Amino acid sequence: MTVRRLTILAALVLLATGAARTSERATLLQFPRLNDTFRDMAPEIAPVSTAGLTILLSSPSNSLTIRGHELELEPLGDSRHRFRGWVDFLGKADLVAKFTGAMPAGMEDQVLLPIQQLELEGEVDFKKMPGGYDITVRQLPTHAEIVMQSRLAGQLVRVCDMLTILSGGDCSGLDAAFSRVRLPLPAAGETYFVADDQLTADERQAFDDYLRVPGAAAPTTVGR
């Protein structure tokens, strides 16, 4: 798996300080280098379907600024962990929309991602490996929803109305559909390798200290 997809996952799994622990066994972690601006992450965006039409979305250029984050981890035993993460972020993106089977040229707009907070919960496996850590997704929501502000919705409604004039389809739902975008999240079983040099010494120490909590870590694997 690419570091870029891991960054997207990590950015979505984290947020602002001050959250209360949900369990006495839970540990709160932060990774300061995630509080940064990430550019051109090429996210996957779920298509929008309405009035019998499907609109494909892509973002060839974008930036996402993480303002703050926090990750709460709780060991469940045998390398399995429950996480609860929060992320406080904003950003902007060039959004391209294309109706399938029509209009070969896409419609484009620069959209804003206003300041917002996202919370995510799930389960993962952590395994210490030579030179880093394996993180395997056990359970995640199928997608995350991001609020956006775009002028594209109004344009798409007009185009959709023209394309469905004979079928009588209702395109009014596009306004609501384009107030949020759906980003698919990694499926169960996907594994990411985080190399030691991707973390600071303090971050590695904090993570290793957590993995020493009874029930937190599986035996170190020798070789990959």
C-alpha atoms as a PDB file:
ATOM      1  CA  MET A   1       0.000   0.000   0.000  1.00  0.00           C
ATOM      2  CA  THR A   2       1.230   3.501  -0.724  1.00  0.00           C
ATOM      3  CA  VAL A   3       2.279   6.016   1.899  1.00  0.00           C
ATOM      4  CA  ARG A   4      -0.168   8.466   0.269  1.00  0.00           C
ATOM      5  CA  ARG A   5      -3.174   6.201   0.976  1.00  0.00           C
ATOM      6  CA  LEU A   6      -1.886   5.667   4.510  1.00  0.00           C
ATOM      7  CA  THR A   7      -1.665   9.439   4.969  1.00  0.00           C
ATOM      8  CA  ILE A   8      -5.267   9.809   3.812  1.00  0.00           C
ATOM      9  CA  LEU A   9      -6.376   7.087   6.226  1.00  0.00           C
ATOM     10  CA  ALA A  10      -4.380   8.563   9.090  1.00  0.00           C
ATOM     11  CA  ALA A  11      -5.680  12.048   8.363  1.00  0.00           C
ATOM     12  CA  LEU A  12      -9.251  10.767   8.489  1.00  0.00           C
ATOM     13  CA  VAL A  13      -8.680   8.715  11.615  1.00  0.00           C
ATOM     14  CA  LEU A  14      -7.473  11.613  13.789  1.00  0.00           C
ATOM     15  CA  LEU A  15      -8.510  14.961  15.516  1.00  0.00           C
ATOM     16  CA  ALA A  16      -8.269  17.802  18.021  1.00  0.00           C
ATOM     17  CA  THR A  17      -6.986  17.566  21.580  1.00  0.00           C
ATOM     18  CA  GLY A  18      -9.045  17.415  24.742  1.00  0.00           C
ATOM     19  CA  ALA A  19     -11.185  14.317  24.189  1.00  0.00           C
ATOM     20  CA  ALA A  20     -12.020  12.201  27.214  1.00  0.00           C
ATOM     21  CA  ARG A  21     -10.934   8.572  27.314  1.00  0.00           C
ATOM     22  CA  THR A  22     -13.735   6.088  26.695  1.00  0.00           C
ATOM     23  CA  SER A  23     -11.959   3.315  28.627  1.00  0.00           C
ATOM     24  CA  GLU A  24      -9.428   3.074  31.448  1.00  0.00           C
ATOM     25  CA  ARG A  25      -7.288   0.913  29.139  1.00  0.00           C
ATOM     26  CA  ALA A  26      -7.321   3.471  26.320  1.00  0.00           C
ATOM     27  CA  THR A  27      -4.194   5.429  25.381  1.00  0.00           C
ATOM     28  CA  LEU A  28      -4.244   8.839  23.701  1.00  0.00           C
ATOM     29  CA  LEU A  29      -1.611   9.446  21.004  1.00  0.00           C
ATOM     30  CA  GLN A  30      -0.731  12.368  18.742  1.00  0.00           C
ATOM     31  CA  PHE A  31       1.608  12.576  15.755  1.00  0.00           C
ATOM     32  CA  PRO A  32       2.689  16.236  15.349  1.00  0.00           C
ATOM     33  CA  ARG A  33       3.912  15.820  11.775  1.00  0.00           C
ATOM     34  CA  LEU A  34       0.319  15.093  10.699  1.00  0.00           C
ATOM     35  CA  ASN A  35      -0.556  18.698  11.611  1.00  0.00           C
ATOM     36  CA  ASP A  36       0.519  19.882   8.193  1.00  0.00           C
ATOM     37  CA  THR A  37      -0.746  20.570   4.683  1.00  0.00           C
ATOM     38  CA  PHE A  38      -0.925  17.616   2.288  1.00  0.00           C
ATOM     39  CA  ARG A  39      -1.182  18.262  -1.441  1.00  0.00           C
ATOM     40  CA  ASP A  40      -2.417  16.321  -4.454  1.00  0.00           C
ATOM     41  CA  MET A  41      -3.358  13.173  -2.573  1.00  0.00           C
ATOM     42  CA  ALA A  42      -5.466  11.839  -5.494  1.00  0.00           C
ATOM     43  CA  PRO A  43      -8.317  10.624  -3.287  1.00  0.00           C
ATOM     44  CA  GLU A  44     -10.884   8.133  -4.509  1.00  0.00           C
ATOM     45  CA  ILE A  45     -14.336   9.789  -4.573  1.00  0.00           C
ATOM     46  CA  ALA A  46     -17.527   7.748  -4.734  1.00  0.00           C
ATOM     47  CA  PRO A  47     -19.701   8.425  -7.815  1.00  0.00           C
ATOM     48  CA  VAL A  48     -23.032  10.248  -7.423  1.00  0.00           C
ATOM     49  CA  SER A  49     -26.128   8.580  -8.911  1.00  0.00           C
ATOM     50  CA  THR A  50     -29.389  10.428  -9.535  1.00  0.00           C
ATOM     51  CA  ALA A  51     -32.261  10.422 -12.012  1.00  0.00           C
ATOM     52  CA  GLY A  52     -30.875   7.294 -13.670  1.00  0.00           C
ATOM     53  CA  LEU A  53     -27.521   8.989 -14.328  1.00  0.00           C
ATOM     54  CA  THR A  54     -24.119   8.456 -12.753  1.00  0.00           C
ATOM     55  CA  ILE A  55     -21.634  11.292 -12.209  1.00  0.00           C
ATOM     56  CA  LEU A  56     -17.971  10.354 -11.883  1.00  0.00           C
ATOM     57  CA  LEU A  57     -15.879  12.631  -9.670  1.00  0.00           C
ATOM     58  CA  SER A  58     -12.138  13.191  -9.473  1.00  0.00           C
ATOM     59  CA  SER A  59      -9.788  15.740  -7.921  1.00  0.00           C
ATOM     60  CA  PRO A  60      -6.531  16.137  -9.868  1.00  0.00           C
ATOM     61  CA  SER A  61      -5.294  18.945  -7.591  1.00  0.00           C
ATOM     62  CA  ASN A  62      -6.102  19.495  -3.922  1.00  0.00           C
ATOM     63  CA  SER A  63      -4.726  20.465  -0.538  1.00  0.00           C
ATOM     64  CA  LEU A  64      -5.797  19.376   2.944  1.00  0.00           C
ATOM     65  CA  THR A  65      -4.584  21.122   6.091  1.00  0.00           C
ATOM     66  CA  ILE A  66      -4.761  19.195   9.362  1.00  0.00           C
ATOM     67  CA  ARG A  67      -5.247  21.720  12.181  1.00  0.00           C
ATOM     68  CA  GLY A  68      -5.231  19.233  15.061  1.00  0.00           C
ATOM     69  CA  HIS A  69      -5.804  15.573  15.816  1.00  0.00           C
ATOM     70  CA  GLU A  70      -5.905  12.878  18.447  1.00  0.00           C
ATOM     71  CA  LEU A  71      -6.015   9.088  18.335  1.00  0.00           C
ATOM     72  CA  GLU A  72      -7.369   6.914  21.131  1.00  0.00           C
ATOM     73  CA  LEU A  73      -6.242   3.277  21.113  1.00  0.00           C
ATOM     74  CA  GLU A  74      -7.461   0.407  23.262  1.00  0.00           C
ATOM     75  CA  PRO A  75      -5.920  -3.090  23.127  1.00  0.00           C
ATOM     76  CA  LEU A  76      -8.356  -5.952  22.582  1.00  0.00           C
ATOM     77  CA  GLY A  77      -5.729  -8.718  22.708  1.00  0.00           C
ATOM     78  CA  ASP A  78      -3.772 -10.703  20.123  1.00  0.00           C
ATOM     79  CA  SER A  79      -2.536  -7.571  18.286  1.00  0.00           C
ATOM     80  CA  ARG A  80      -6.106  -6.289  17.751  1.00  0.00           C
ATOM     81  CA  HIS A  81      -6.996  -2.731  18.756  1.00  0.00           C
ATOM     82  CA  ARG A  82     -10.047  -0.511  18.859  1.00  0.00           C
ATOM     83  CA  PHE A  83      -9.408   3.051  17.764  1.00  0.00           C
ATOM     84  CA  ARG A  84     -11.359   6.263  17.955  1.00  0.00           C
ATOM     85  CA  GLY A  85      -9.915   9.186  16.072  1.00  0.00           C
ATOM     86  CA  TRP A  86     -10.737  12.817  15.472  1.00  0.00           C
ATOM     87  CA  VAL A  87      -9.412  15.242  12.900  1.00  0.00           C
ATOM     88  CA  ASP A  88      -9.918  19.007  12.577  1.00  0.00           C
ATOM     89  CA  PHE A  89      -9.167  20.154   9.015  1.00  0.00           C
ATOM     90  CA  LEU A  90      -9.889  22.453   6.074  1.00  0.00           C
ATOM     91  CA  GLY A  91      -8.833  22.550   2.456  1.00  0.00           C
ATOM     92  CA  LYS A  92      -9.616  23.183  -1.182  1.00  0.00           C
ATOM     93  CA  ALA A  93      -9.678  21.086  -4.332  1.00  0.00           C
ATOM     94  CA  ASP A  94     -10.182  21.180  -8.073  1.00  0.00           C
ATOM     95  CA  LEU A  95     -13.193  18.945  -8.708  1.00  0.00           C
ATOM     96  CA  VAL A  96     -13.967  17.383 -12.096  1.00  0.00           C
ATOM     97  CA  ALA A  97     -17.435  15.915 -12.753  1.00  0.00           C
ATOM     98  CA  LYS A  98     -18.413  13.821 -15.766  1.00  0.00           C
ATOM     99  CA  PHE A  99     -21.717  12.159 -16.630  1.00  0.00           C
ATOM    100  CA  THR A 100     -21.177   8.568 -17.752  1.00  0.00           C
ATOM    101  CA  GLY A 101     -22.083   8.050 -21.388  1.00  0.00           C
ATOM    102  CA  ALA A 102     -22.473  11.761 -22.054  1.00  0.00           C
ATOM    103  CA  MET A 103     -20.534  14.999 -22.254  1.00  0.00           C
ATOM    104  CA  PRO A 104     -17.000  13.706 -22.888  1.00  0.00           C
ATOM    105  CA  ALA A 105     -15.551  16.972 -21.560  1.00  0.00           C
ATOM    106  CA  GLY A 106     -15.744  17.187 -17.758  1.00  0.00           C
ATOM    107  CA  MET A 107     -17.132  20.128 -15.797  1.00  0.00           C
ATOM    108  CA  GLU A 108     -14.655  21.680 -13.377  1.00  0.00           C
ATOM    109  CA  ASP A 109     -14.814  23.855 -10.280  1.00  0.00           C
ATOM    110  CA  GLN A 110     -12.578  24.763  -7.347  1.00  0.00           C
ATOM    111  CA  VAL A 111     -14.371  23.680  -4.180  1.00  0.00           C
ATOM    112  CA  LEU A 112     -13.714  24.689  -0.595  1.00  0.00           C
ATOM    113  CA  LEU A 113     -13.592  22.316   2.360  1.00  0.00           C
ATOM    114  CA  PRO A 114     -14.632  24.582   5.259  1.00  0.00           C
ATOM    115  CA  ILE A 115     -13.209  24.052   8.737  1.00  0.00           C
ATOM    116  CA  GLN A 116     -14.790  20.843  10.000  1.00  0.00           C
ATOM    117  CA  GLN A 117     -14.287  17.984  12.403  1.00  0.00           C
ATOM    118  CA  LEU A 118     -14.532  14.319  11.521  1.00  0.00           C
ATOM    119  CA  GLU A 119     -14.725  11.370  13.892  1.00  0.00           C
ATOM    120  CA  LEU A 120     -14.013   7.768  12.948  1.00  0.00           C
ATOM    121  CA  GLU A 121     -14.061   4.484  14.861  1.00  0.00           C
ATOM    122  CA  GLY A 122     -12.900   1.009  13.936  1.00  0.00           C
ATOM    123  CA  GLU A 123     -10.523  -1.857  14.659  1.00  0.00           C
ATOM    124  CA  VAL A 124      -7.008  -2.545  13.371  1.00  0.00           C
ATOM    125  CA  ASP A 125      -4.136  -4.966  13.939  1.00  0.00           C
ATOM    126  CA  PHE A 126      -0.680  -3.662  14.834  1.00  0.00           C
ATOM    127  CA  LYS A 127       2.393  -5.835  14.373  1.00  0.00           C
ATOM    128  CA  LYS A 128       5.981  -4.799  15.038  1.00  0.00           C
ATOM    129  CA  MET A 129       8.127  -5.684  12.029  1.00  0.00           C
ATOM    130  CA  PRO A 130      11.842  -5.255  11.284  1.00  0.00           C
ATOM    131  CA  GLY A 131      12.215  -1.597  10.387  1.00  0.00           C
ATOM    132  CA  GLY A 132       8.654  -0.561  11.164  1.00  0.00           C
ATOM    133  CA  TYR A 133       5.074  -1.618  11.823  1.00  0.00           C
ATOM    134  CA  ASP A 134       2.334  -3.408   9.897  1.00  0.00           C
ATOM    135  CA  ILE A 135      -1.158  -1.935  10.285  1.00  0.00           C
ATOM    136  CA  THR A 136      -3.998  -4.151   9.037  1.00  0.00           C
ATOM    137  CA  VAL A 137      -7.566  -2.876   8.806  1.00  0.00           C
ATOM    138  CA  ARG A 138     -10.035  -5.095  10.651  1.00  0.00           C
ATOM    139  CA  GLN A 139     -13.117  -2.917  10.655  1.00  0.00           C
ATOM    140  CA  LEU A 140     -13.886   0.531   9.219  1.00  0.00           C
ATOM    141  CA  PRO A 141     -16.941   2.345   7.900  1.00  0.00           C
ATOM    142  CA  THR A 142     -17.295   1.973   4.146  1.00  0.00           C
ATOM    143  CA  HIS A 143     -16.734   5.703   3.587  1.00  0.00           C
ATOM    144  CA  ALA A 144     -16.161   9.083   5.197  1.00  0.00           C
ATOM    145  CA  GLU A 145     -18.241  12.145   4.317  1.00  0.00           C
ATOM    146  CA  ILE A 146     -16.523  15.491   3.791  1.00  0.00           C
ATOM    147  CA  VAL A 147     -18.476  18.769   3.705  1.00  0.00           C
ATOM    148  CA  MET A 148     -17.697  20.971   0.709  1.00  0.00           C
ATOM    149  CA  GLN A 149     -18.836  24.244  -0.831  1.00  0.00           C
ATOM    150  CA  SER A 150     -19.111  24.226  -4.626  1.00  0.00           C
ATOM    151  CA  ARG A 151     -20.803  26.138  -7.457  1.00  0.00           C
ATOM    152  CA  LEU A 152     -20.754  22.928  -9.497  1.00  0.00           C
ATOM    153  CA  ALA A 153     -24.033  21.603  -8.060  1.00  0.00           C
ATOM    154  CA  GLY A 154     -26.166  24.253  -9.762  1.00  0.00           C
ATOM    155  CA  GLN A 155     -24.458  23.693 -13.119  1.00  0.00           C
ATOM    156  CA  LEU A 156     -24.881  19.924 -12.829  1.00  0.00           C
ATOM    157  CA  VAL A 157     -28.570  20.237 -11.986  1.00  0.00           C
ATOM    158  CA  ARG A 158     -29.137  22.212 -15.209  1.00  0.00           C
ATOM    159  CA  VAL A 159     -27.183  19.683 -17.280  1.00  0.00           C
ATOM    160  CA  CYS A 160     -28.933  16.774 -15.583  1.00  0.00           C
ATOM    161  CA  ASP A 161     -32.330  18.357 -16.332  1.00  0.00           C
ATOM    162  CA  MET A 162     -31.412  18.590 -20.015  1.00  0.00           C
ATOM    163  CA  LEU A 163     -30.180  14.992 -20.170  1.00  0.00           C
ATOM    164  CA  THR A 164     -33.283  13.606 -18.478  1.00  0.00           C
ATOM    165  CA  ILE A 165     -35.923  15.820 -20.142  1.00  0.00           C
ATOM    166  CA  LEU A 166     -37.374  12.852 -22.041  1.00  0.00           C
ATOM    167  CA  SER A 167     -37.242  10.368 -19.188  1.00  0.00           C
ATOM    168  CA  GLY A 168     -38.706  12.805 -16.678  1.00  0.00           C
ATOM    169  CA  GLY A 169     -35.984  12.129 -14.095  1.00  0.00           C
ATOM    170  CA  ASP A 170     -35.731  14.289 -10.974  1.00  0.00           C
ATOM    171  CA  CYS A 171     -32.330  15.991 -10.610  1.00  0.00           C
ATOM    172  CA  SER A 172     -33.202  18.108  -7.571  1.00  0.00           C
ATOM    173  CA  GLY A 173     -31.213  15.843  -5.235  1.00  0.00           C
ATOM    174  CA  LEU A 174     -27.917  16.932  -6.788  1.00  0.00           C
ATOM    175  CA  ASP A 175     -27.765  20.065  -4.637  1.00  0.00           C
ATOM    176  CA  ALA A 176     -27.738  17.968  -1.468  1.00  0.00           C
ATOM    177  CA  ALA A 177     -25.431  15.345  -2.986  1.00  0.00           C
ATOM    178  CA  PHE A 178     -22.794  17.983  -3.740  1.00  0.00           C
ATOM    179  CA  SER A 179     -22.780  19.475  -0.261  1.00  0.00           C
ATOM    180  CA  ARG A 180     -20.798  16.391   0.824  1.00  0.00           C
ATOM    181  CA  VAL A 181     -18.404  14.047  -0.942  1.00  0.00           C
ATOM    182  CA  ARG A 182     -17.996  10.409   0.019  1.00  0.00           C
ATOM    183  CA  LEU A 183     -14.437   9.095   0.293  1.00  0.00           C
ATOM    184  CA  PRO A 184     -14.227   5.283   0.278  1.00  0.00           C
ATOM    185  CA  LEU A 185     -12.150   3.924   3.160  1.00  0.00           C
ATOM    186  CA  PRO A 186      -9.832   0.894   3.072  1.00  0.00           C
ATOM    187  CA  ALA A 187     -11.564  -2.479   3.267  1.00  0.00           C
ATOM    188  CA  ALA A 188     -10.964  -5.084   5.955  1.00  0.00           C
ATOM    189  CA  GLY A 189      -7.729  -6.964   5.314  1.00  0.00           C
ATOM    190  CA  GLU A 190      -5.800  -4.120   3.684  1.00  0.00           C
ATOM    191  CA  THR A 191      -2.318  -3.791   5.233  1.00  0.00           C
ATOM    192  CA  TYR A 192      -0.036  -0.752   5.427  1.00  0.00           C
ATOM    193  CA  PHE A 193       3.630  -0.730   6.387  1.00  0.00           C
ATOM    194  CA  VAL A 194       4.851   2.270   8.380  1.00  0.00           C
ATOM    195  CA  ALA A 195       8.645   2.484   8.304  1.00  0.00           C
ATOM    196  CA  ASP A 196      10.511   3.630  11.410  1.00  0.00           C
ATOM    197  CA  ASP A 197      11.887   6.643   9.530  1.00  0.00           C
ATOM    198  CA  GLN A 198       8.335   7.871   8.848  1.00  0.00           C
ATOM    199  CA  LEU A 199       7.987   8.552  12.587  1.00  0.00           C
ATOM    200  CA  THR A 200      10.007  10.776  14.875  1.00  0.00           C
ATOM    201  CA  ALA A 201      11.938   9.231  17.749  1.00  0.00           C
ATOM    202  CA  ASP A 202       9.314  10.524  20.212  1.00  0.00           C
ATOM    203  CA  GLU A 203       6.473   9.100  18.108  1.00  0.00           C
ATOM    204  CA  ARG A 204       8.164   5.690  17.905  1.00  0.00           C
ATOM    205  CA  GLN A 205       8.768   5.740  21.649  1.00  0.00           C
ATOM    206  CA  ALA A 206       5.138   6.609  22.403  1.00  0.00           C
ATOM    207  CA  PHE A 207       3.884   3.884  20.062  1.00  0.00           C
ATOM    208  CA  ASP A 208       6.295   1.275  21.427  1.00  0.00           C
ATOM    209  CA  ASP A 209       5.267   2.189  24.983  1.00  0.00           C
ATOM    210  CA  TYR A 210       1.650   1.616  24.014  1.00  0.00           C
ATOM    211  CA  LEU A 211       2.465  -1.749  22.415  1.00  0.00           C
ATOM    212  CA  ARG A 212       4.047  -2.847  25.710  1.00  0.00           C
ATOM    213  CA  VAL A 213       0.642  -2.547  27.415  1.00  0.00           C
ATOM    214  CA  PRO A 214      -0.560  -6.096  28.294  1.00  0.00           C
ATOM    215  CA  GLY A 215      -2.594  -7.464  25.396  1.00  0.00           C
ATOM    216  CA  ALA A 216      -1.505  -4.754  22.976  1.00  0.00           C
ATOM    217  CA  ALA A 217       1.179  -6.408  20.871  1.00  0.00           C
ATOM    218  CA  ALA A 218       1.631  -9.618  18.961  1.00  0.00           C
ATOM    219  CA  PRO A 219       5.113 -11.195  18.907  1.00  0.00           C
ATOM    220  CA  THR A 220       7.613  -9.367  16.699  1.00  0.00           C
ATOM    221  CA  THR A 221       7.829 -10.923  13.245  1.00  0.00           C
ATOM    222  CA  VAL A 222      11.277 -11.711  11.885  1.00  0.00           C
ATOM    223  CA  GLY A 223      11.564 -11.075   8.148  1.00  0.00           C
ATOM    224  CA  ARG A 224       8.822  -9.921   5.781  1.00  0.00           C
END
